[in-house]
Each structure stands twice: as structure tokens, then as C-alpha cells.
Protein backbone atom coordinates (compact mmCIF):
# COMPACT_ATOMS: atom_id res chain seq x y z
CA MET A 1 11.25 20.24 33.82
CA LEU A 2 14.36 21.89 32.42
CA VAL A 3 17.50 21.08 34.45
CA ILE A 4 20.68 22.91 33.46
CA THR A 5 24.09 23.73 34.90
CA THR A 6 24.14 27.32 33.66
CA PRO A 7 22.71 30.17 35.77
CA ASN A 8 20.60 31.54 32.88
CA ILE A 9 18.34 30.10 30.21
CA GLU A 10 19.48 31.47 26.89
CA GLY A 11 16.72 33.36 25.09
CA LYS A 12 14.33 33.07 28.05
CA ARG A 13 13.51 35.32 30.96
CA ILE A 14 13.45 33.99 34.51
CA THR A 15 10.48 35.63 36.20
CA LYS A 16 10.53 33.97 39.62
CA TYR A 17 13.17 32.43 41.87
CA TYR A 18 11.89 29.85 44.35
CA GLY A 19 15.19 29.07 46.02
CA LEU A 20 17.55 26.19 46.58
CA VAL A 21 16.43 22.64 45.87
CA SER A 22 18.42 19.47 46.33
CA GLY A 23 18.18 15.73 45.99
CA GLU A 24 20.32 13.08 47.57
CA ALA A 25 20.91 9.40 46.94
CA ILE A 26 22.98 6.98 48.95
CA LEU A 27 23.41 3.53 47.48
CA GLY A 28 25.38 0.54 48.65
CA ALA A 29 27.40 -1.42 46.12
CA ASN A 30 26.95 -5.19 46.21
CA ILE A 31 29.80 -7.08 47.92
CA PHE A 32 30.32 -9.36 44.90
CA ARG A 33 30.49 -6.38 42.58
CA ASP A 34 33.02 -4.83 45.00
CA PHE A 35 35.15 -7.96 44.78
CA PHE A 36 35.10 -8.11 40.99
CA ALA A 37 35.63 -4.35 40.71
CA GLY A 38 38.74 -4.77 42.87
CA ILE A 39 40.06 -7.47 40.56
CA ARG A 40 39.35 -5.32 37.52
CA ASP A 41 41.15 -2.39 39.15
CA ILE A 42 44.21 -4.61 39.65
CA VAL A 43 44.31 -5.77 36.00
CA GLY A 44 43.07 -2.47 34.59
CA GLY A 45 39.92 -1.45 32.83
CA ARG A 46 36.67 0.16 33.85
CA SER A 47 34.34 -1.03 36.57
CA ALA A 48 30.93 -1.31 34.91
CA ALA A 49 29.29 -2.21 38.24
CA TYR A 50 30.38 1.03 39.90
CA GLU A 51 29.58 3.09 36.81
CA GLU A 52 26.03 1.71 36.82
CA GLU A 53 25.61 2.45 40.53
CA LEU A 54 26.79 6.03 39.97
CA ARG A 55 24.31 6.49 37.10
CA LYS A 56 21.47 5.15 39.27
CA ALA A 57 22.39 7.41 42.19
CA LYS A 58 22.65 10.46 39.91
CA ALA A 59 19.25 9.75 38.35
CA ILE A 60 17.64 9.39 41.79
CA ALA A 61 19.21 12.60 43.13
CA VAL A 62 18.22 14.65 40.05
CA LYS A 63 14.67 13.25 40.05
CA GLU A 64 14.24 14.09 43.75
CA MET A 65 15.49 17.64 43.09
CA GLU A 66 13.10 18.03 40.12
CA GLU A 67 10.13 16.81 42.18
CA LEU A 68 10.86 19.32 44.93
CA ALA A 69 11.17 22.16 42.39
CA GLN A 70 7.92 21.14 40.70
CA ALA A 71 6.12 21.09 44.05
CA MET A 72 7.24 24.71 44.55
CA GLY A 73 5.76 25.72 41.19
CA ALA A 74 9.03 25.91 39.24
CA ASN A 75 9.43 24.80 35.64
CA ALA A 76 13.25 24.70 35.68
CA VAL A 77 16.25 24.23 37.91
CA VAL A 78 19.30 26.32 37.03
CA ALA A 79 22.90 26.38 38.24
CA VAL A 80 22.77 22.65 38.99
CA ASP A 81 25.79 21.09 40.67
CA ILE A 82 26.21 17.35 41.12
CA ASP A 83 28.64 16.03 43.73
CA TYR A 84 29.85 12.46 44.21
CA GLU A 85 31.19 11.15 47.53
CA THR A 86 31.96 7.81 49.11
CA ILE A 87 30.81 6.88 52.58
CA GLY A 88 32.69 4.11 54.31
CA GLN A 89 33.97 1.24 52.22
CA SER A 90 31.12 0.69 49.76
CA MET A 91 28.48 3.41 49.97
CA LEU A 92 28.04 5.94 47.18
CA MET A 93 26.44 9.32 47.78
CA VAL A 94 25.31 11.68 45.04
CA THR A 95 23.93 15.13 45.76
CA ALA A 96 22.27 17.34 43.13
CA CYS A 97 21.41 20.93 44.00
CA GLY A 98 20.35 24.03 42.11
CA THR A 99 17.98 26.97 42.08
CA ALA A 100 14.31 26.37 41.32
CA VAL A 101 12.95 29.03 38.92
CA TYR A 102 10.03 29.84 36.67
CA PHE A 103 10.84 31.03 33.16
CA GLU A 104 8.78 32.30 30.23
């Protein structure tokens, strides 16, 4: 499954548009990771725990979107947009959406 952020596939022709597909992931960050991330934020540096959680959530959201597109008969998702949000104090939400298409 080809997943791209552009609306067209260079050198290919999109022959069918299936419509909007999306995938969502909401993950909670561990309280101990939250504590250590807070300390790291105070002294500076990157929070590896949060970065890992974001990568996991993105992978889940994109995979869910791909599976939905594949079930429709698509072989690509174009114009993909990925959004990151926080919910409450320690929940991470990632949404991936795009247009399911068939290309030749």
C-alpha cells in the first residue's frame, strides 16, 4: 500500500477514487515516564519516552487507515495528513486521514 502526502502519484494515473479513510490512535503515557519527562523538560533535552509514544500512535493510526483503504479495494492513500493532539494531562491522540485511490 502506497501512502503519500501529495495529491498525485508522479508518473502514475489514478483510475478510481474510493473516498476518505482515516485511522486514529489514543495512547496513554505511563505516569513514571511523565515524571521523568517533566524532569528532563526542566533540565533540557528531548523526552525519548514521549517520542516513542508518538511514533507508536502514528504507526497505529496509519496502519488502521491503510487497512480501511485496502478493504475498499484501494492500492494507495493520497493527500495524507497526520495530526497530533493531547487529551487531558497524559493522553496522546494521532489521526491519519487521506483519500483511498486505485492507481495503475
